[in-house]
Amino acid sequence: MASSLSTLGDFAMRRGNLGQASDNFRQALALFQQMGMRTQVVQTGASLLRMERELARQRG
């Protein structure tokens, strides 16, 4: 599962800018939640979104 999340994150990042990646990842999180893998996915997603915001802040 961790590898699929990593792949998903990579896919989202390749799709475009950070805002688009956030949107893609949020959509993916919603799908995973529907599939019943809520806790781990939400924790991982929240972590990735925090990192994404920090990167955006550093880039200005």
PDB file of N, CA and C in Angstrom:
ATOM      1  N   MET A   1       0.811  -1.195   0.000  1.00  0.00           N
ATOM      2  CA  MET A   1       0.000   0.000   0.000  1.00  0.00           C
ATOM      3  C   MET A   1       0.857   1.262   0.000  1.00  0.00           C
ATOM      4  N   ALA A   2       1.943   1.239   0.770  1.00  0.00           N
ATOM      5  CA  ALA A   2       2.810   2.411   0.793  1.00  0.00           C
ATOM      6  C   ALA A   2       3.360   2.697  -0.597  1.00  0.00           C
ATOM      7  N   SER A   3       3.696   1.638  -1.336  1.00  0.00           N
ATOM      8  CA  SER A   3       4.245   1.854  -2.673  1.00  0.00           C
ATOM      9  C   SER A   3       3.195   2.444  -3.609  1.00  0.00           C
ATOM     10  N   SER A   4       1.933   2.034  -3.446  1.00  0.00           N
ATOM     11  CA  SER A   4       0.901   2.609  -4.302  1.00  0.00           C
ATOM     12  C   SER A   4       0.691   4.088  -3.963  1.00  0.00           C
ATOM     13  N   LEU A   5       0.812   4.444  -2.681  1.00  0.00           N
ATOM     14  CA  LEU A   5       0.696   5.854  -2.306  1.00  0.00           C
ATOM     15  C   LEU A   5       1.854   6.660  -2.870  1.00  0.00           C
ATOM     16  N   SER A   6       3.041   6.095  -2.817  1.00  0.00           N
ATOM     17  CA  SER A   6       4.204   6.773  -3.356  1.00  0.00           C
ATOM     18  C   SER A   6       4.022   7.006  -4.851  1.00  0.00           C
ATOM     19  N   THR A   7       3.572   5.978  -5.555  1.00  0.00           N
ATOM     20  CA  THR A   7       3.332   6.084  -6.991  1.00  0.00           C
ATOM     21  C   THR A   7       2.257   7.134  -7.264  1.00  0.00           C
ATOM     22  N   LEU A   8       1.228   7.123  -6.445  1.00  0.00           N
ATOM     23  CA  LEU A   8       0.138   8.078  -6.588  1.00  0.00           C
ATOM     24  C   LEU A   8       0.650   9.500  -6.402  1.00  0.00           C
ATOM     25  N   GLY A   9       1.479   9.699  -5.395  1.00  0.00           N
ATOM     26  CA  GLY A   9       2.054  11.023  -5.158  1.00  0.00           C
ATOM     27  C   GLY A   9       2.929  11.464  -6.318  1.00  0.00           C
ATOM     28  N   ASP A  10       3.741  10.537  -6.838  1.00  0.00           N
ATOM     29  CA  ASP A  10       4.598  10.845  -7.985  1.00  0.00           C
ATOM     30  C   ASP A  10       3.745  11.237  -9.185  1.00  0.00           C
ATOM     31  N   PHE A  11       2.677  10.488  -9.407  1.00  0.00           N
ATOM     32  CA  PHE A  11       1.778  10.767 -10.516  1.00  0.00           C
ATOM     33  C   PHE A  11       1.172  12.161 -10.372  1.00  0.00           C
ATOM     34  N   ALA A  12       0.713  12.468  -9.158  1.00  0.00           N
ATOM     35  CA  ALA A  12       0.098  13.776  -8.928  1.00  0.00           C
ATOM     36  C   ALA A  12       1.104  14.895  -9.193  1.00  0.00           C
ATOM     37  N   MET A  13       2.345  14.706  -8.751  1.00  0.00           N
ATOM     38  CA  MET A  13       3.360  15.737  -8.946  1.00  0.00           C
ATOM     39  C   MET A  13       3.688  15.928 -10.430  1.00  0.00           C
ATOM     40  N   ARG A  14       3.689  14.845 -11.186  1.00  0.00           N
ATOM     41  CA  ARG A  14       3.982  14.944 -12.614  1.00  0.00           C
ATOM     42  C   ARG A  14       2.851  15.613 -13.383  1.00  0.00           C
ATOM     43  N   ARG A  15       1.669  15.634 -12.813  1.00  0.00           N
ATOM     44  CA  ARG A  15       0.504  16.170 -13.514  1.00  0.00           C
ATOM     45  C   ARG A  15       0.551  17.688 -13.655  1.00  0.00           C
ATOM     46  N   GLY A  16       1.346  18.358 -12.859  1.00  0.00           N
ATOM     47  CA  GLY A  16       1.369  19.803 -13.002  1.00  0.00           C
ATOM     48  C   GLY A  16       1.931  20.498 -11.783  1.00  0.00           C
ATOM     49  N   ASN A  17       1.450  21.690 -11.531  1.00  0.00           N
ATOM     50  CA  ASN A  17       1.976  22.491 -10.426  1.00  0.00           C
ATOM     51  C   ASN A  17       1.505  21.958  -9.080  1.00  0.00           C
ATOM     52  N   LEU A  18       1.975  22.572  -8.005  1.00  0.00           N
ATOM     53  CA  LEU A  18       1.651  22.077  -6.667  1.00  0.00           C
ATOM     54  C   LEU A  18       0.160  22.118  -6.382  1.00  0.00           C
ATOM     55  N   GLY A  19      -0.518  23.143  -6.868  1.00  0.00           N
ATOM     56  CA  GLY A  19      -1.956  23.235  -6.642  1.00  0.00           C
ATOM     57  C   GLY A  19      -2.691  22.079  -7.300  1.00  0.00           C
ATOM     58  N   GLN A  20      -2.283  21.760  -8.523  1.00  0.00           N
ATOM     59  CA  GLN A  20      -2.901  20.641  -9.242  1.00  0.00           C
ATOM     60  C   GLN A  20      -2.586  19.322  -8.531  1.00  0.00           C
ATOM     61  N   ALA A  21      -1.362  19.189  -8.046  1.00  0.00           N
ATOM     62  CA  ALA A  21      -0.988  17.969  -7.331  1.00  0.00           C
ATOM     63  C   ALA A  21      -1.842  17.821  -6.071  1.00  0.00           C
ATOM     64  N   SER A  22      -2.079  18.928  -5.384  1.00  0.00           N
ATOM     65  CA  SER A  22      -2.923  18.888  -4.189  1.00  0.00           C
ATOM     66  C   SER A  22      -4.320  18.407  -4.544  1.00  0.00           C
ATOM     67  N   ASP A  23      -4.873  18.964  -5.605  1.00  0.00           N
ATOM     68  CA  ASP A  23      -6.217  18.566  -6.036  1.00  0.00           C
ATOM     69  C   ASP A  23      -6.255  17.087  -6.383  1.00  0.00           C
ATOM     70  N   ASN A  24      -5.256  16.634  -7.135  1.00  0.00           N
ATOM     71  CA  ASN A  24      -5.198  15.222  -7.522  1.00  0.00           C
ATOM     72  C   ASN A  24      -5.088  14.327  -6.298  1.00  0.00           C
ATOM     73  N   PHE A  25      -4.254  14.760  -5.341  1.00  0.00           N
ATOM     74  CA  PHE A  25      -4.057  13.915  -4.170  1.00  0.00           C
ATOM     75  C   PHE A  25      -5.308  13.881  -3.303  1.00  0.00           C
ATOM     76  N   ARG A  26      -5.983  15.014  -3.203  1.00  0.00           N
ATOM     77  CA  ARG A  26      -7.241  15.037  -2.439  1.00  0.00           C
ATOM     78  C   ARG A  26      -8.272  14.098  -3.068  1.00  0.00           C
ATOM     79  N   GLN A  27      -8.336  14.098  -4.385  1.00  0.00           N
ATOM     80  CA  GLN A  27      -9.266  13.186  -5.068  1.00  0.00           C
ATOM     81  C   GLN A  27      -8.884  11.737  -4.789  1.00  0.00           C
ATOM     82  N   ALA A  28      -7.589  11.462  -4.820  1.00  0.00           N
ATOM     83  CA  ALA A  28      -7.121  10.099  -4.543  1.00  0.00           C
ATOM     84  C   ALA A  28      -7.428   9.707  -3.100  1.00  0.00           C
ATOM     85  N   LEU A  29      -7.250  10.636  -2.168  1.00  0.00           N
ATOM     86  CA  LEU A  29      -7.566  10.356  -0.763  1.00  0.00           C
ATOM     87  C   LEU A  29      -9.040  10.002  -0.608  1.00  0.00           C
ATOM     88  N   ALA A  30      -9.892  10.742  -1.294  1.00  0.00           N
ATOM     89  CA  ALA A  30     -11.329  10.468  -1.213  1.00  0.00           C
ATOM     90  C   ALA A  30     -11.616   9.050  -1.707  1.00  0.00           C
ATOM     91  N   LEU A  31     -10.943   8.664  -2.784  1.00  0.00           N
ATOM     92  CA  LEU A  31     -11.137   7.315  -3.324  1.00  0.00           C
ATOM     93  C   LEU A  31     -10.665   6.251  -2.331  1.00  0.00           C
ATOM     94  N   PHE A  32      -9.481   6.464  -1.755  1.00  0.00           N
ATOM     95  CA  PHE A  32      -8.976   5.502  -0.776  1.00  0.00           C
ATOM     96  C   PHE A  32      -9.895   5.411   0.437  1.00  0.00           C
ATOM     97  N   GLN A  33     -10.437   6.555   0.853  1.00  0.00           N
ATOM     98  CA  GLN A  33     -11.355   6.549   1.998  1.00  0.00           C
ATOM     99  C   GLN A  33     -12.577   5.699   1.669  1.00  0.00           C
ATOM    100  N   GLN A  34     -13.087   5.830   0.458  1.00  0.00           N
ATOM    101  CA  GLN A  34     -14.246   5.034   0.052  1.00  0.00           C
ATOM    102  C   GLN A  34     -13.897   3.545   0.068  1.00  0.00           C
ATOM    103  N   MET A  35     -12.643   3.237  -0.185  1.00  0.00           N
ATOM    104  CA  MET A  35     -12.207   1.839  -0.207  1.00  0.00           C
ATOM    105  C   MET A  35     -11.922   1.317   1.200  1.00  0.00           C
ATOM    106  N   GLY A  36     -12.049   2.162   2.204  1.00  0.00           N
ATOM    107  CA  GLY A  36     -11.925   1.724   3.583  1.00  0.00           C
ATOM    108  C   GLY A  36     -10.523   1.734   4.154  1.00  0.00           C
ATOM    109  N   MET A  37      -9.594   2.407   3.509  1.00  0.00           N
ATOM    110  CA  MET A  37      -8.223   2.448   4.015  1.00  0.00           C
ATOM    111  C   MET A  37      -7.960   3.806   4.639  1.00  0.00           C
ATOM    112  N   ARG A  38      -8.867   4.245   5.455  1.00  0.00           N
ATOM    113  CA  ARG A  38      -8.915   5.632   5.894  1.00  0.00           C
ATOM    114  C   ARG A  38      -7.706   6.097   6.699  1.00  0.00           C
ATOM    115  N   THR A  39      -7.401   5.476   7.809  1.00  0.00           N
ATOM    116  CA  THR A  39      -6.459   6.064   8.762  1.00  0.00           C
ATOM    117  C   THR A  39      -5.067   6.267   8.178  1.00  0.00           C
ATOM    118  N   GLN A  40      -4.474   5.210   7.642  1.00  0.00           N
ATOM    119  CA  GLN A  40      -3.109   5.318   7.114  1.00  0.00           C
ATOM    120  C   GLN A  40      -3.043   6.296   5.942  1.00  0.00           C
ATOM    121  N   VAL A  41      -4.014   6.235   5.094  1.00  0.00           N
ATOM    122  CA  VAL A  41      -4.000   7.103   3.910  1.00  0.00           C
ATOM    123  C   VAL A  41      -4.148   8.565   4.303  1.00  0.00           C
ATOM    124  N   VAL A  42      -5.049   8.841   5.215  1.00  0.00           N
ATOM    125  CA  VAL A  42      -5.257  10.227   5.641  1.00  0.00           C
ATOM    126  C   VAL A  42      -4.006  10.766   6.315  1.00  0.00           C
ATOM    127  N   GLN A  43      -3.368   9.953   7.159  1.00  0.00           N
ATOM    128  CA  GLN A  43      -2.133  10.405   7.826  1.00  0.00           C
ATOM    129  C   GLN A  43      -1.051  10.682   6.787  1.00  0.00           C
ATOM    130  N   THR A  44      -0.899   9.771   5.824  1.00  0.00           N
ATOM    131  CA  THR A  44       0.119   9.945   4.790  1.00  0.00           C
ATOM    132  C   THR A  44      -0.202  11.156   3.928  1.00  0.00           C
ATOM    133  N   GLY A  45      -1.471  11.293   3.555  1.00  0.00           N
ATOM    134  CA  GLY A  45      -1.880  12.430   2.728  1.00  0.00           C
ATOM    135  C   GLY A  45      -1.661  13.753   3.435  1.00  0.00           C
ATOM    136  N   ALA A  46      -2.002  13.813   4.702  1.00  0.00           N
ATOM    137  CA  ALA A  46      -1.810  15.045   5.470  1.00  0.00           C
ATOM    138  C   ALA A  46      -0.329  15.386   5.529  1.00  0.00           C
ATOM    139  N   SER A  47       0.492  14.376   5.698  1.00  0.00           N
ATOM    140  CA  SER A  47       1.937  14.560   5.730  1.00  0.00           C
ATOM    141  C   SER A  47       2.438  15.133   4.403  1.00  0.00           C
ATOM    142  N   LEU A  48       1.973  14.546   3.305  1.00  0.00           N
ATOM    143  CA  LEU A  48       2.398  15.012   1.985  1.00  0.00           C
ATOM    144  C   LEU A  48       1.921  16.432   1.717  1.00  0.00           C
ATOM    145  N   LEU A  49       0.711  16.738   2.115  1.00  0.00           N
ATOM    146  CA  LEU A  49       0.199  18.099   1.900  1.00  0.00           C
ATOM    147  C   LEU A  49       0.982  19.116   2.725  1.00  0.00           C
ATOM    148  N   ARG A  50       1.389  18.735   3.941  1.00  0.00           N
ATOM    149  CA  ARG A  50       2.234  19.634   4.750  1.00  0.00           C
ATOM    150  C   ARG A  50       3.573  19.876   4.062  1.00  0.00           C
ATOM    151  N   MET A  51       4.179  18.805   3.547  1.00  0.00           N
ATOM    152  CA  MET A  51       5.463  18.949   2.848  1.00  0.00           C
ATOM    153  C   MET A  51       5.301  19.830   1.612  1.00  0.00           C
ATOM    154  N   GLU A  52       4.197  19.626   0.905  1.00  0.00           N
ATOM    155  CA  GLU A  52       3.918  20.395  -0.300  1.00  0.00           C
ATOM    156  C   GLU A  52       3.802  21.885   0.019  1.00  0.00           C
ATOM    157  N   ARG A  53       3.083  22.213   1.094  1.00  0.00           N
ATOM    158  CA  ARG A  53       2.933  23.616   1.501  1.00  0.00           C
ATOM    159  C   ARG A  53       4.290  24.207   1.879  1.00  0.00           C
ATOM    160  N   GLU A  54       5.115  23.431   2.570  1.00  0.00           N
ATOM    161  CA  GLU A  54       6.439  23.907   2.971  1.00  0.00           C
ATOM    162  C   GLU A  54       7.304  24.169   1.735  1.00  0.00           C
ATOM    163  N   LEU A  55       7.252  23.271   0.764  1.00  0.00           N
ATOM    164  CA  LEU A  55       8.013  23.485  -0.475  1.00  0.00           C
ATOM    165  C   LEU A  55       7.545  24.750  -1.185  1.00  0.00           C
ATOM    166  N   ALA A  56       6.238  24.938  -1.265  1.00  0.00           N
ATOM    167  CA  ALA A  56       5.694  26.126  -1.919  1.00  0.00           C
ATOM    168  C   ALA A  56       6.157  27.387  -1.185  1.00  0.00           C
ATOM    169  N   ARG A  57       6.169  27.326   0.146  1.00  0.00           N
ATOM    170  CA  ARG A  57       6.603  28.478   0.939  1.00  0.00           C
ATOM    171  C   ARG A  57       8.074  28.793   0.669  1.00  0.00           C
ATOM    172  N   GLN A  58       8.897  27.748   0.601  1.00  0.00           N
ATOM    173  CA  GLN A  58      10.331  27.952   0.367  1.00  0.00           C
ATOM    174  C   GLN A  58      10.594  28.525  -1.017  1.00  0.00           C
ATOM    175  N   ARG A  59       9.787  28.119  -1.985  1.00  0.00           N
ATOM    176  CA  ARG A  59       9.979  28.602  -3.355  1.00  0.00           C
ATOM    177  C   ARG A  59       9.460  30.021  -3.539  1.00  0.00           C
ATOM    178  N   GLY A  60       8.637  30.461  -2.601  1.00  0.00           N
ATOM    179  CA  GLY A  60       8.126  31.830  -2.688  1.00  0.00           C
ATOM    180  C   GLY A  60       6.879  31.856  -3.484  1.00  0.00           C
TER     181      GLY A  60
END
